[in-house]
């Protein structure tokens, strides 16, 4: 996919050997090593090619969001980090040094799409976190139960036995949705307008009005919000381009 708004180079970190283990806690621990190695690469880009930290935007999904945080912790003045549904288990309610937080870059924006607890009454595990971790934290559809995703393990089983053989994809639908939302936000002319919303008010009618200075924007173009902070709610649809503007 071409990024039509900017001339950029994209570097992708392949850490599948550290991530694809049945031992989740080991994968979570591996994020520190990956972050340290990636930080060395960022420093070499600076020293060899004069690519300043202020030119770098790091994007990480799930455990990768915390890897981004570890890079930012080691390399001061990274311009921006975007955390896409940061992993909750082993990171939620921990010290800011061991997870993504707003001090890891000049601007940190986070999108939460699977904020339920790992164990909950719907028996639909949540792999993300509700905890704010950035300067701006966006909670599409209140941060969980994304449109088009099953809301319980029972719904997933019904879809599975009705012919959808990708059970893992069904269970992780909310967690993966954030990737599609962010990707859509890059080039779509529709802006993901978001409404200020305290965490305790998510899901209420109090969260459907823009600020006096206009709506905040979620996604790739969130850098236009750099002078804002807080938590935001945004409704989306169940299919591309997801935006309801």
C-alpha atoms as a PDB file:
ATOM      1  CA  UNK A   1       0.000   0.000   0.000  1.00  0.00           C
ATOM      2  CA  UNK A   2       1.348   3.434  -0.945  1.00  0.00           C
ATOM      3  CA  UNK A   3       1.271   6.229   1.630  1.00  0.00           C
ATOM      4  CA  UNK A   4       0.027   9.160  -0.409  1.00  0.00           C
ATOM      5  CA  UNK A   5       0.516  11.847   2.243  1.00  0.00           C
ATOM      6  CA  UNK A   6       4.261  11.546   2.808  1.00  0.00           C
ATOM      7  CA  UNK A   7       7.496  10.198   1.357  1.00  0.00           C
ATOM      8  CA  UNK A   8       8.605   7.670   3.960  1.00  0.00           C
ATOM      9  CA  UNK A   9      10.735   4.575   4.403  1.00  0.00           C
ATOM     10  CA  UNK A  10       9.194   1.694   6.344  1.00  0.00           C
ATOM     11  CA  UNK A  11      11.269  -0.789   8.354  1.00  0.00           C
ATOM     12  CA  UNK A  12       9.516  -3.911   9.661  1.00  0.00           C
ATOM     13  CA  UNK A  13      10.929  -5.901  12.581  1.00  0.00           C
ATOM     14  CA  UNK A  14      10.555  -9.661  12.195  1.00  0.00           C
ATOM     15  CA  UNK A  15      10.682 -11.093  15.711  1.00  0.00           C
ATOM     16  CA  UNK A  16       8.469 -14.115  15.099  1.00  0.00           C
ATOM     17  CA  UNK A  17      10.992 -16.462  16.718  1.00  0.00           C
ATOM     18  CA  UNK A  18      10.563 -14.562  19.959  1.00  0.00           C
ATOM     19  CA  UNK A  19       6.828 -14.071  19.638  1.00  0.00           C
ATOM     20  CA  UNK A  20       5.556 -17.421  18.376  1.00  0.00           C
ATOM     21  CA  UNK A  21       5.794 -19.448  21.540  1.00  0.00           C
ATOM     22  CA  UNK A  22       3.051 -21.125  23.524  1.00  0.00           C
ATOM     23  CA  UNK A  23       4.607 -19.573  26.622  1.00  0.00           C
ATOM     24  CA  UNK A  24       3.066 -16.093  26.581  1.00  0.00           C
ATOM     25  CA  UNK A  25       5.117 -14.905  29.541  1.00  0.00           C
ATOM     26  CA  UNK A  26       8.295 -15.820  27.658  1.00  0.00           C
ATOM     27  CA  UNK A  27       7.095 -13.882  24.618  1.00  0.00           C
ATOM     28  CA  UNK A  28       6.323 -10.921  26.885  1.00  0.00           C
ATOM     29  CA  UNK A  29       9.810 -11.142  28.378  1.00  0.00           C
ATOM     30  CA  UNK A  30      11.359 -11.298  24.902  1.00  0.00           C
ATOM     31  CA  UNK A  31       9.973  -7.855  24.108  1.00  0.00           C
ATOM     32  CA  UNK A  32      12.700  -6.265  26.226  1.00  0.00           C
ATOM     33  CA  UNK A  33      15.478  -7.885  24.196  1.00  0.00           C
ATOM     34  CA  UNK A  34      13.822  -7.020  20.893  1.00  0.00           C
ATOM     35  CA  UNK A  35      13.383  -3.434  22.043  1.00  0.00           C
ATOM     36  CA  UNK A  36      17.039  -3.181  23.056  1.00  0.00           C
ATOM     37  CA  UNK A  37      18.253  -4.562  19.709  1.00  0.00           C
ATOM     38  CA  UNK A  38      15.915  -2.294  17.754  1.00  0.00           C
ATOM     39  CA  UNK A  39      17.134   0.705  19.755  1.00  0.00           C
ATOM     40  CA  UNK A  40      20.698  -0.054  18.621  1.00  0.00           C
ATOM     41  CA  UNK A  41      19.473  -0.059  15.020  1.00  0.00           C
ATOM     42  CA  UNK A  42      17.794   3.321  15.509  1.00  0.00           C
ATOM     43  CA  UNK A  43      21.020   4.737  16.947  1.00  0.00           C
ATOM     44  CA  UNK A  44      22.999   3.388  13.973  1.00  0.00           C
ATOM     45  CA  UNK A  45      20.562   5.025  11.575  1.00  0.00           C
ATOM     46  CA  UNK A  46      21.267   8.266  13.387  1.00  0.00           C
ATOM     47  CA  UNK A  47      25.061   7.943  13.424  1.00  0.00           C
ATOM     48  CA  UNK A  48      25.436   6.508   9.908  1.00  0.00           C
ATOM     49  CA  UNK A  49      22.716   8.266   7.925  1.00  0.00           C
ATOM     50  CA  UNK A  50      21.932  11.254  10.148  1.00  0.00           C
ATOM     51  CA  UNK A  51      18.349  10.070  10.612  1.00  0.00           C
ATOM     52  CA  UNK A  52      17.346  11.916  13.757  1.00  0.00           C
ATOM     53  CA  UNK A  53      14.994  10.417  16.377  1.00  0.00           C
ATOM     54  CA  UNK A  54      12.752  13.410  15.692  1.00  0.00           C
ATOM     55  CA  UNK A  55      12.138  11.940  12.212  1.00  0.00           C
ATOM     56  CA  UNK A  56      11.018   8.518  13.441  1.00  0.00           C
ATOM     57  CA  UNK A  57       7.487   7.186  13.976  1.00  0.00           C
ATOM     58  CA  UNK A  58       7.327   3.733  15.590  1.00  0.00           C
ATOM     59  CA  UNK A  59       4.152   1.660  15.306  1.00  0.00           C
ATOM     60  CA  UNK A  60       3.624  -1.504  17.340  1.00  0.00           C
ATOM     61  CA  UNK A  61       0.717  -3.903  17.791  1.00  0.00           C
ATOM     62  CA  UNK A  62      -0.002  -5.902  20.962  1.00  0.00           C
ATOM     63  CA  UNK A  63       3.375  -6.926  22.418  1.00  0.00           C
ATOM     64  CA  UNK A  64       4.938  -4.812  19.685  1.00  0.00           C
ATOM     65  CA  UNK A  65       3.495  -1.692  21.302  1.00  0.00           C
ATOM     66  CA  UNK A  66       5.621  -2.353  24.364  1.00  0.00           C
ATOM     67  CA  UNK A  67       8.653  -3.038  22.159  1.00  0.00           C
ATOM     68  CA  UNK A  68       8.090   0.443  20.761  1.00  0.00           C
ATOM     69  CA  UNK A  69       8.081   1.747  24.318  1.00  0.00           C
ATOM     70  CA  UNK A  70      11.388   0.049  25.111  1.00  0.00           C
ATOM     71  CA  UNK A  71      12.932   1.632  22.013  1.00  0.00           C
ATOM     72  CA  UNK A  72      11.692   5.034  23.073  1.00  0.00           C
ATOM     73  CA  UNK A  73      12.997   4.519  26.589  1.00  0.00           C
ATOM     74  CA  UNK A  74      16.516   3.900  25.238  1.00  0.00           C
ATOM     75  CA  UNK A  75      16.490   6.482  22.438  1.00  0.00           C
ATOM     76  CA  UNK A  76      15.403   9.936  23.641  1.00  0.00           C
ATOM     77  CA  UNK A  77      13.219  12.250  21.553  1.00  0.00           C
ATOM     78  CA  UNK A  78      11.601   9.736  19.238  1.00  0.00           C
ATOM     79  CA  UNK A  79       9.013  11.824  17.394  1.00  0.00           C
ATOM     80  CA  UNK A  80       6.033   9.536  17.763  1.00  0.00           C
ATOM     81  CA  UNK A  81       4.958   6.106  18.934  1.00  0.00           C
ATOM     82  CA  UNK A  82       1.601   4.608  17.991  1.00  0.00           C
ATOM     83  CA  UNK A  83       0.465   1.718  20.174  1.00  0.00           C
ATOM     84  CA  UNK A  84      -2.106  -0.512  18.479  1.00  0.00           C
ATOM     85  CA  UNK A  85      -4.084  -2.351  21.156  1.00  0.00           C
ATOM     86  CA  UNK A  86      -1.121  -2.817  23.519  1.00  0.00           C
ATOM     87  CA  UNK A  87      -1.044  -6.227  25.164  1.00  0.00           C
ATOM     88  CA  UNK A  88      -2.640  -6.217  28.613  1.00  0.00           C
ATOM     89  CA  UNK A  89      -1.585  -9.491  30.288  1.00  0.00           C
ATOM     90  CA  UNK A  90       1.723  -9.015  32.153  1.00  0.00           C
ATOM     91  CA  UNK A  91       1.730  -5.265  31.383  1.00  0.00           C
ATOM     92  CA  UNK A  92      -1.502  -3.735  32.691  1.00  0.00           C
ATOM     93  CA  UNK A  93      -1.114  -1.818  35.973  1.00  0.00           C
ATOM     94  CA  UNK A  94       2.656  -2.277  35.967  1.00  0.00           C
ATOM     95  CA  UNK A  95       5.311   0.396  36.386  1.00  0.00           C
ATOM     96  CA  UNK A  96       5.653   2.705  33.392  1.00  0.00           C
ATOM     97  CA  UNK A  97       9.237   1.509  32.866  1.00  0.00           C
ATOM     98  CA  UNK A  98       8.067  -1.968  31.835  1.00  0.00           C
ATOM     99  CA  UNK A  99       5.343  -0.957  29.370  1.00  0.00           C
ATOM    100  CA  UNK A 100       4.492   1.674  26.811  1.00  0.00           C
ATOM    101  CA  UNK A 101       3.807   5.077  28.354  1.00  0.00           C
ATOM    102  CA  UNK A 102       3.567   8.704  27.321  1.00  0.00           C
ATOM    103  CA  UNK A 103       7.203   9.485  28.173  1.00  0.00           C
ATOM    104  CA  UNK A 104       8.553   7.100  25.520  1.00  0.00           C
ATOM    105  CA  UNK A 105       8.234   9.616  22.647  1.00  0.00           C
ATOM    106  CA  UNK A 106       7.395  13.251  22.048  1.00  0.00           C
ATOM    107  CA  UNK A 107       3.882  12.119  21.099  1.00  0.00           C
ATOM    108  CA  UNK A 108       2.309   8.777  21.997  1.00  0.00           C
ATOM    109  CA  UNK A 109      -1.107   7.841  20.638  1.00  0.00           C
ATOM    110  CA  UNK A 110      -2.786   4.554  21.518  1.00  0.00           C
ATOM    111  CA  UNK A 111      -5.823   2.774  20.055  1.00  0.00           C
ATOM    112  CA  UNK A 112      -7.648   0.215  22.228  1.00  0.00           C
ATOM    113  CA  UNK A 113      -9.978  -2.285  20.510  1.00  0.00           C
ATOM    114  CA  UNK A 114      -9.862  -5.279  22.872  1.00  0.00           C
ATOM    115  CA  UNK A 115      -9.894  -3.768  26.342  1.00  0.00           C
ATOM    116  CA  UNK A 116     -11.843  -6.508  28.133  1.00  0.00           C
ATOM    117  CA  UNK A 117     -10.086  -8.561  30.800  1.00  0.00           C
ATOM    118  CA  UNK A 118      -8.440 -11.812  29.756  1.00  0.00           C
ATOM    119  CA  UNK A 119     -11.030 -13.593  31.901  1.00  0.00           C
ATOM    120  CA  UNK A 120     -14.540 -12.124  31.846  1.00  0.00           C
ATOM    121  CA  UNK A 121     -18.195 -13.102  32.113  1.00  0.00           C
ATOM    122  CA  UNK A 122     -18.609 -13.448  28.325  1.00  0.00           C
ATOM    123  CA  UNK A 123     -15.841 -16.053  28.198  1.00  0.00           C
ATOM    124  CA  UNK A 124     -14.429 -13.970  25.337  1.00  0.00           C
ATOM    125  CA  UNK A 125     -10.802 -13.293  26.298  1.00  0.00           C
ATOM    126  CA  UNK A 126      -9.525  -9.743  25.977  1.00  0.00           C
ATOM    127  CA  UNK A 127      -5.900  -9.455  24.902  1.00  0.00           C
ATOM    128  CA  UNK A 128      -5.527  -5.688  25.162  1.00  0.00           C
ATOM    129  CA  UNK A 129      -5.834  -3.259  28.038  1.00  0.00           C
ATOM    130  CA  UNK A 130      -8.196  -0.504  29.113  1.00  0.00           C
ATOM    131  CA  UNK A 131      -5.396   1.353  30.882  1.00  0.00           C
ATOM    132  CA  UNK A 132      -4.432   4.637  29.168  1.00  0.00           C
ATOM    133  CA  UNK A 133      -0.798   4.488  28.087  1.00  0.00           C
ATOM    134  CA  UNK A 134      -0.325   7.502  25.816  1.00  0.00           C
ATOM    135  CA  UNK A 135      -0.806  11.221  25.502  1.00  0.00           C
ATOM    136  CA  UNK A 136      -4.018  10.371  23.674  1.00  0.00           C
ATOM    137  CA  UNK A 137      -5.866   7.080  24.062  1.00  0.00           C
ATOM    138  CA  UNK A 138      -8.646   6.194  21.622  1.00  0.00           C
ATOM    139  CA  UNK A 139     -11.333   3.615  22.412  1.00  0.00           C
ATOM    140  CA  UNK A 140     -13.249   2.679  19.233  1.00  0.00           C
ATOM    141  CA  UNK A 141     -16.711   1.422  20.171  1.00  0.00           C
ATOM    142  CA  UNK A 142     -15.844   1.851  23.866  1.00  0.00           C
ATOM    143  CA  UNK A 143     -12.670  -0.193  23.446  1.00  0.00           C
ATOM    144  CA  UNK A 144     -14.188  -3.647  22.926  1.00  0.00           C
ATOM    145  CA  UNK A 145     -16.937  -5.617  21.158  1.00  0.00           C
ATOM    146  CA  UNK A 146     -16.019  -4.266  17.743  1.00  0.00           C
ATOM    147  CA  UNK A 147     -18.844  -4.313  15.152  1.00  0.00           C
ATOM    148  CA  UNK A 148     -18.743  -7.541  13.180  1.00  0.00           C
ATOM    149  CA  UNK A 149     -16.793  -9.406  15.863  1.00  0.00           C
ATOM    150  CA  UNK A 150     -18.476 -12.009  18.067  1.00  0.00           C
ATOM    151  CA  UNK A 151     -19.127 -10.824  21.618  1.00  0.00           C
ATOM    152  CA  UNK A 152     -18.926 -14.174  23.387  1.00  0.00           C
ATOM    153  CA  UNK A 153     -17.287 -17.561  23.094  1.00  0.00           C
ATOM    154  CA  UNK A 154     -20.728 -18.971  22.291  1.00  0.00           C
ATOM    155  CA  UNK A 155     -21.048 -16.678  19.262  1.00  0.00           C
ATOM    156  CA  UNK A 156     -17.591 -17.742  18.117  1.00  0.00           C
ATOM    157  CA  UNK A 157     -18.469 -21.420  18.395  1.00  0.00           C
ATOM    158  CA  UNK A 158     -21.636 -20.865  16.371  1.00  0.00           C
ATOM    159  CA  UNK A 159     -19.630 -19.140  13.617  1.00  0.00           C
ATOM    160  CA  UNK A 160     -17.017 -21.901  13.733  1.00  0.00           C
ATOM    161  CA  UNK A 161     -19.527 -24.706  13.341  1.00  0.00           C
ATOM    162  CA  UNK A 162     -21.319 -22.722  10.638  1.00  0.00           C
ATOM    163  CA  UNK A 163     -18.269 -22.944   8.406  1.00  0.00           C
ATOM    164  CA  UNK A 164     -15.712 -20.388   9.606  1.00  0.00           C
ATOM    165  CA  UNK A 165     -12.674 -22.583  10.223  1.00  0.00           C
ATOM    166  CA  UNK A 166     -10.475 -19.769  11.530  1.00  0.00           C
ATOM    167  CA  UNK A 167     -11.310 -20.099  15.224  1.00  0.00           C
ATOM    168  CA  UNK A 168      -8.201 -18.199  16.318  1.00  0.00           C
ATOM    169  CA  UNK A 169      -9.191 -15.352  14.007  1.00  0.00           C
ATOM    170  CA  UNK A 170     -12.666 -15.318  15.525  1.00  0.00           C
ATOM    171  CA  UNK A 171     -11.349 -15.174  19.091  1.00  0.00           C
ATOM    172  CA  UNK A 172      -8.828 -12.434  18.291  1.00  0.00           C
ATOM    173  CA  UNK A 173     -11.157 -10.392  16.057  1.00  0.00           C
ATOM    174  CA  UNK A 174     -11.313  -7.398  18.432  1.00  0.00           C
ATOM    175  CA  UNK A 175      -7.549  -7.464  18.983  1.00  0.00           C
ATOM    176  CA  UNK A 176      -6.798  -7.560  15.254  1.00  0.00           C
ATOM    177  CA  UNK A 177      -9.412  -4.974  14.251  1.00  0.00           C
ATOM    178  CA  UNK A 178      -7.086  -2.179  15.305  1.00  0.00           C
ATOM    179  CA  UNK A 179      -4.745  -3.048  12.419  1.00  0.00           C
ATOM    180  CA  UNK A 180      -7.519  -2.526   9.885  1.00  0.00           C
ATOM    181  CA  UNK A 181      -8.646   0.718  11.520  1.00  0.00           C
ATOM    182  CA  UNK A 182      -5.155   2.208  11.474  1.00  0.00           C
ATOM    183  CA  UNK A 183      -4.466   1.024   7.925  1.00  0.00           C
ATOM    184  CA  UNK A 184      -7.716   2.558   6.707  1.00  0.00           C
ATOM    185  CA  UNK A 185      -6.870   5.841   8.422  1.00  0.00           C
ATOM    186  CA  UNK A 186      -3.709   6.358   6.356  1.00  0.00           C
ATOM    187  CA  UNK A 187      -5.176   7.195   2.958  1.00  0.00           C
ATOM    188  CA  UNK A 188      -8.944   7.364   3.412  1.00  0.00           C
ATOM    189  CA  UNK A 189     -10.465  10.830   2.902  1.00  0.00           C
ATOM    190  CA  UNK A 190     -12.835  10.051   5.783  1.00  0.00           C
ATOM    191  CA  UNK A 191     -11.411  11.225   9.097  1.00  0.00           C
ATOM    192  CA  UNK A 192     -11.909   9.165  12.242  1.00  0.00           C
ATOM    193  CA  UNK A 193     -13.426  11.935  14.370  1.00  0.00           C
ATOM    194  CA  UNK A 194     -13.259  11.118  18.077  1.00  0.00           C
ATOM    195  CA  UNK A 195     -15.001  12.473  21.152  1.00  0.00           C
ATOM    196  CA  UNK A 196     -13.463  13.242  24.555  1.00  0.00           C
ATOM    197  CA  UNK A 197     -14.614  10.623  27.028  1.00  0.00           C
ATOM    198  CA  UNK A 198     -13.543   9.770  30.562  1.00  0.00           C
ATOM    199  CA  UNK A 199     -12.998   6.049  31.038  1.00  0.00           C
ATOM    200  CA  UNK A 200     -15.918   5.774  33.434  1.00  0.00           C
ATOM    201  CA  UNK A 201     -18.227   7.308  30.811  1.00  0.00           C
ATOM    202  CA  UNK A 202     -17.371   4.970  27.938  1.00  0.00           C
ATOM    203  CA  UNK A 203     -20.622   3.685  26.496  1.00  0.00           C
ATOM    204  CA  UNK A 204     -22.704   6.611  27.733  1.00  0.00           C
ATOM    205  CA  UNK A 205     -24.346   9.467  25.860  1.00  0.00           C
ATOM    206  CA  UNK A 206     -21.797  11.837  27.402  1.00  0.00           C
ATOM    207  CA  UNK A 207     -19.238  10.822  24.791  1.00  0.00           C
ATOM    208  CA  UNK A 208     -20.698  11.962  21.480  1.00  0.00           C
ATOM    209  CA  UNK A 209     -19.776  15.651  21.339  1.00  0.00           C
ATOM    210  CA  UNK A 210     -16.598  17.172  19.915  1.00  0.00           C
ATOM    211  CA  UNK A 211     -14.515  19.657  21.851  1.00  0.00           C
ATOM    212  CA  UNK A 212     -15.047  23.350  21.153  1.00  0.00           C
ATOM    213  CA  UNK A 213     -11.869  23.412  19.051  1.00  0.00           C
ATOM    214  CA  UNK A 214     -13.145  20.541  16.920  1.00  0.00           C
ATOM    215  CA  UNK A 215     -12.970  16.765  16.929  1.00  0.00           C
ATOM    216  CA  UNK A 216      -9.777  14.901  17.602  1.00  0.00           C
ATOM    217  CA  UNK A 217      -8.665  12.534  14.837  1.00  0.00           C
ATOM    218  CA  UNK A 218      -7.702   8.909  15.442  1.00  0.00           C
ATOM    219  CA  UNK A 219      -5.146   6.973  13.434  1.00  0.00           C
ATOM    220  CA  UNK A 220      -2.280   7.892  11.145  1.00  0.00           C
ATOM    221  CA  UNK A 221      -3.190  11.582  11.148  1.00  0.00           C
ATOM    222  CA  UNK A 222      -3.447  11.854  14.927  1.00  0.00           C
ATOM    223  CA  UNK A 223      -0.311  14.007  14.925  1.00  0.00           C
ATOM    224  CA  UNK A 224      -2.587  16.968  14.210  1.00  0.00           C
ATOM    225  CA  UNK A 225      -3.782  16.477  17.823  1.00  0.00           C
ATOM    226  CA  UNK A 226      -0.346  16.973  19.379  1.00  0.00           C
ATOM    227  CA  UNK A 227      -1.587  19.740  21.670  1.00  0.00           C
ATOM    228  CA  UNK A 228      -4.310  17.507  23.148  1.00  0.00           C
ATOM    229  CA  UNK A 229      -4.302  14.835  25.811  1.00  0.00           C
ATOM    230  CA  UNK A 230      -6.860  12.474  27.286  1.00  0.00           C
ATOM    231  CA  UNK A 231      -9.125   9.585  26.416  1.00  0.00           C
ATOM    232  CA  UNK A 232     -11.473   9.506  23.426  1.00  0.00           C
ATOM    233  CA  UNK A 233     -14.331   7.381  22.150  1.00  0.00           C
ATOM    234  CA  UNK A 234     -15.148   6.829  18.489  1.00  0.00           C
ATOM    235  CA  UNK A 235     -17.905   4.753  16.851  1.00  0.00           C
ATOM    236  CA  UNK A 236     -17.017   2.777  13.727  1.00  0.00           C
ATOM    237  CA  UNK A 237     -18.816   0.496  11.289  1.00  0.00           C
ATOM    238  CA  UNK A 238     -18.192  -3.218  10.828  1.00  0.00           C
ATOM    239  CA  UNK A 239     -16.477  -3.016   7.446  1.00  0.00           C
ATOM    240  CA  UNK A 240     -14.030  -1.009   5.373  1.00  0.00           C
ATOM    241  CA  UNK A 241     -13.530   1.914   5.487  1.00  0.00           C
ATOM    242  CA  UNK A 242     -14.975   1.705   9.068  1.00  0.00           C
ATOM    243  CA  UNK A 243     -15.146   5.501   9.343  1.00  0.00           C
ATOM    244  CA  UNK A 244     -18.600   6.989  10.033  1.00  0.00           C
ATOM    245  CA  UNK A 245     -17.859  10.639   9.252  1.00  0.00           C
END
